[in-house]
N, C-alpha and C. Protein backbone atom coordinates (compact mmCIF):
# COMPACT_ATOMS: atom_id res chain seq x y z
N MET A 1 -14.41 10.44 -0.96
CA MET A 1 -13.81 8.98 -1.04
C MET A 1 -12.38 9.04 -1.02
N ALA A 2 -11.43 8.58 -0.26
CA ALA A 2 -10.02 8.41 -0.27
C ALA A 2 -9.64 7.31 -1.38
N LYS A 3 -8.53 7.93 -1.92
CA LYS A 3 -7.87 6.98 -3.05
C LYS A 3 -6.63 6.76 -2.60
N ILE A 4 -6.00 5.54 -2.74
CA ILE A 4 -4.58 5.14 -2.38
C ILE A 4 -4.21 4.64 -3.91
N VAL A 5 -2.70 5.20 -4.07
CA VAL A 5 -1.97 5.04 -5.38
C VAL A 5 -0.58 4.26 -4.91
N ILE A 6 -0.47 2.86 -5.18
CA ILE A 6 0.86 2.23 -5.01
C ILE A 6 1.77 2.27 -5.92
N ASP A 7 3.07 2.64 -5.93
CA ASP A 7 4.00 2.53 -6.98
C ASP A 7 4.60 1.09 -7.01
N GLU A 8 4.03 0.36 -7.75
CA GLU A 8 4.39 -0.95 -7.60
C GLU A 8 6.07 -1.23 -8.03
N ILE A 9 6.65 -0.39 -8.65
CA ILE A 9 7.82 -0.30 -8.86
C ILE A 9 8.85 0.09 -7.92
N ARG A 10 8.42 0.89 -7.27
CA ARG A 10 8.97 1.23 -5.83
C ARG A 10 8.71 0.30 -4.84
N CYS A 11 8.00 -0.21 -4.73
CA CYS A 11 7.51 -1.15 -3.46
C CYS A 11 8.27 -2.38 -3.29
N LYS A 12 8.79 -2.76 -2.24
CA LYS A 12 9.92 -3.87 -2.08
C LYS A 12 8.98 -4.75 -1.18
N GLY A 13 7.70 -4.69 -1.00
CA GLY A 13 7.06 -5.75 -0.24
C GLY A 13 7.37 -5.99 1.14
N CYS A 14 7.75 -4.84 1.78
CA CYS A 14 8.21 -5.15 3.22
C CYS A 14 7.01 -5.50 4.25
N GLY A 15 5.94 -5.04 3.56
CA GLY A 15 4.75 -5.21 4.61
C GLY A 15 4.24 -4.43 5.78
N LEU A 16 5.17 -3.35 5.95
CA LEU A 16 4.72 -2.41 6.92
C LEU A 16 3.67 -1.56 6.94
N CYS A 17 3.34 -1.53 5.47
CA CYS A 17 1.85 -0.70 5.27
C CYS A 17 0.72 -1.55 5.79
N THR A 18 0.92 -2.98 5.46
CA THR A 18 -0.06 -3.91 5.93
C THR A 18 -0.45 -3.74 7.42
N LEU A 19 0.78 -3.73 7.93
CA LEU A 19 0.66 -3.69 9.73
C LEU A 19 -0.02 -2.23 9.98
N ALA A 20 0.18 -1.22 9.29
CA ALA A 20 -0.18 0.32 9.73
C ALA A 20 -1.52 0.32 9.58
N CYS A 21 -2.16 -0.33 8.67
CA CYS A 21 -3.45 -0.03 8.13
C CYS A 21 -4.66 -0.62 9.08
N HIS A 22 -5.42 0.33 9.86
CA HIS A 22 -6.07 -0.15 10.82
C HIS A 22 -7.39 -0.86 10.44
N GLY A 23 -7.42 -0.79 9.00
CA GLY A 23 -8.63 -1.28 8.47
C GLY A 23 -8.28 -2.67 7.67
N LYS A 24 -7.25 -3.02 7.91
CA LYS A 24 -6.49 -4.30 7.10
C LYS A 24 -7.00 -4.42 5.73
N LEU A 25 -6.93 -3.39 5.06
CA LEU A 25 -7.28 -2.94 3.62
C LEU A 25 -6.13 -3.40 2.61
N LEU A 26 -4.99 -3.32 2.99
CA LEU A 26 -3.86 -3.72 2.22
C LEU A 26 -3.25 -5.12 2.39
N SER A 27 -2.86 -5.58 1.59
CA SER A 27 -2.18 -6.95 1.63
C SER A 27 -0.91 -6.95 0.45
N LEU A 28 -0.15 -7.87 0.66
CA LEU A 28 0.90 -8.21 -0.42
C LEU A 28 0.41 -8.82 -1.76
N SER A 29 0.56 -8.54 -2.85
CA SER A 29 0.18 -8.95 -4.03
C SER A 29 0.61 -10.50 -4.28
N GLU A 30 -0.16 -11.15 -5.01
CA GLU A 30 0.63 -12.53 -5.66
C GLU A 30 1.47 -12.37 -6.68
N LYS A 31 1.22 -11.08 -7.56
CA LYS A 31 2.29 -10.94 -8.88
C LYS A 31 3.48 -10.61 -8.02
N ILE A 32 4.50 -10.62 -8.81
CA ILE A 32 5.95 -10.35 -8.70
C ILE A 32 6.22 -9.00 -9.85
N ASN A 33 6.44 -7.74 -9.14
CA ASN A 33 7.13 -6.63 -10.01
C ASN A 33 8.23 -7.18 -10.65
N ILE A 34 8.98 -5.86 -11.55
CA ILE A 34 10.24 -6.12 -12.27
C ILE A 34 11.30 -6.33 -11.40
N GLN A 35 11.03 -5.85 -9.91
CA GLN A 35 12.42 -5.86 -9.40
C GLN A 35 12.52 -7.29 -8.45
N GLY A 36 11.23 -8.06 -8.80
CA GLY A 36 11.10 -9.64 -7.94
C GLY A 36 10.63 -9.48 -6.59
N TYR A 37 9.80 -8.18 -6.16
CA TYR A 37 9.38 -8.06 -5.02
C TYR A 37 7.75 -8.59 -5.49
N THR A 38 6.92 -8.78 -4.17
CA THR A 38 5.65 -8.81 -4.25
C THR A 38 4.88 -7.58 -3.61
N PRO A 39 4.70 -6.66 -4.56
CA PRO A 39 4.36 -5.10 -4.12
C PRO A 39 2.94 -5.13 -3.14
N ALA A 40 2.73 -4.44 -2.55
CA ALA A 40 1.59 -4.16 -1.72
C ALA A 40 0.39 -3.83 -2.79
N ALA A 41 -0.91 -4.27 -2.28
CA ALA A 41 -2.03 -4.05 -3.16
C ALA A 41 -3.01 -3.57 -2.01
N ILE A 42 -4.03 -2.77 -2.54
CA ILE A 42 -5.36 -2.46 -1.55
C ILE A 42 -6.50 -3.48 -2.13
N THR A 43 -7.18 -4.10 -1.08
CA THR A 43 -7.93 -4.83 -1.37
C THR A 43 -9.55 -4.46 -1.23
N PHE A 44 -9.76 -3.50 -0.55
CA PHE A 44 -11.04 -2.91 -0.48
C PHE A 44 -10.79 -1.31 -0.54
N PRO A 45 -10.61 -0.78 -1.61
CA PRO A 45 -10.28 0.75 -1.89
C PRO A 45 -11.74 1.44 -1.24
N GLU A 46 -12.85 0.87 -1.48
CA GLU A 46 -14.23 1.66 -1.07
C GLU A 46 -14.07 2.01 0.38
N LYS A 47 -13.60 1.16 1.26
CA LYS A 47 -13.53 1.22 2.71
C LYS A 47 -12.27 2.06 3.29
N CYS A 48 -11.48 2.48 2.48
CA CYS A 48 -10.37 3.46 2.89
C CYS A 48 -10.84 4.65 3.44
N THR A 49 -10.52 5.19 4.68
CA THR A 49 -10.84 6.44 5.17
C THR A 49 -9.77 7.60 5.07
N GLY A 50 -8.73 7.25 4.35
CA GLY A 50 -7.80 8.24 3.86
C GLY A 50 -6.90 8.89 4.98
N CYS A 51 -6.70 7.96 6.23
CA CYS A 51 -5.81 8.22 7.33
C CYS A 51 -4.58 8.36 6.76
N ALA A 52 -3.97 7.87 5.76
CA ALA A 52 -2.51 7.92 5.29
C ALA A 52 -1.52 7.31 6.32
N LEU A 53 -1.72 6.29 7.07
CA LEU A 53 -0.86 5.70 8.09
C LEU A 53 0.17 4.66 7.16
N CYS A 54 -0.51 4.04 6.21
CA CYS A 54 0.05 3.18 5.21
C CYS A 54 1.21 4.18 4.62
N ALA A 55 0.89 5.37 4.07
CA ALA A 55 2.06 6.29 3.55
C ALA A 55 2.95 6.52 4.48
N GLU A 56 2.67 7.12 5.38
CA GLU A 56 3.72 7.31 6.48
C GLU A 56 4.58 6.13 6.94
N MET A 57 4.21 5.00 7.02
CA MET A 57 4.88 3.95 7.17
C MET A 57 5.92 3.53 6.25
N CYS A 58 5.76 3.75 4.84
CA CYS A 58 6.35 3.13 3.85
C CYS A 58 7.76 3.68 3.70
N PRO A 59 8.90 2.91 3.93
CA PRO A 59 10.11 3.57 3.89
C PRO A 59 10.67 3.65 2.36
N ASP A 60 9.81 3.26 1.58
CA ASP A 60 10.39 3.51 0.20
C ASP A 60 9.65 4.53 -0.64
N VAL A 61 8.42 5.42 -0.05
CA VAL A 61 7.75 6.29 -0.47
C VAL A 61 6.87 5.68 -1.70
N ALA A 62 6.29 4.89 -1.52
CA ALA A 62 5.67 3.90 -2.74
C ALA A 62 4.19 4.36 -2.62
N ILE A 63 3.76 4.83 -1.55
CA ILE A 63 2.39 4.94 -1.47
C ILE A 63 1.69 6.53 -1.40
N THR A 64 0.91 6.96 -2.11
CA THR A 64 0.22 8.25 -2.18
C THR A 64 -1.26 7.96 -1.67
N VAL A 65 -1.87 8.88 -0.79
CA VAL A 65 -3.10 9.03 -0.49
C VAL A 65 -3.57 10.21 -1.12
N PHE A 66 -4.78 9.98 -1.58
CA PHE A 66 -5.51 11.47 -1.86
C PHE A 66 -6.89 11.19 -1.30
N LYS A 67 -7.21 12.47 -0.67
CA LYS A 67 -8.44 12.78 0.25
C LYS A 67 -9.71 13.21 -0.67
């Protein structure tokens, strides 16, 4: 099973990862990080295939995918 780790401090909430995820498993969080942004969060981690498109799209290198 794949695992996604999102560094909430680095994430600026641009939403590119949410667009890249073909399973629509990522969304922007309701909570605000210490920089004042709403970081990305995975909503259904058990459905992740580990394709890593979200990590490839992230301009802030805030997402790591483990397979």
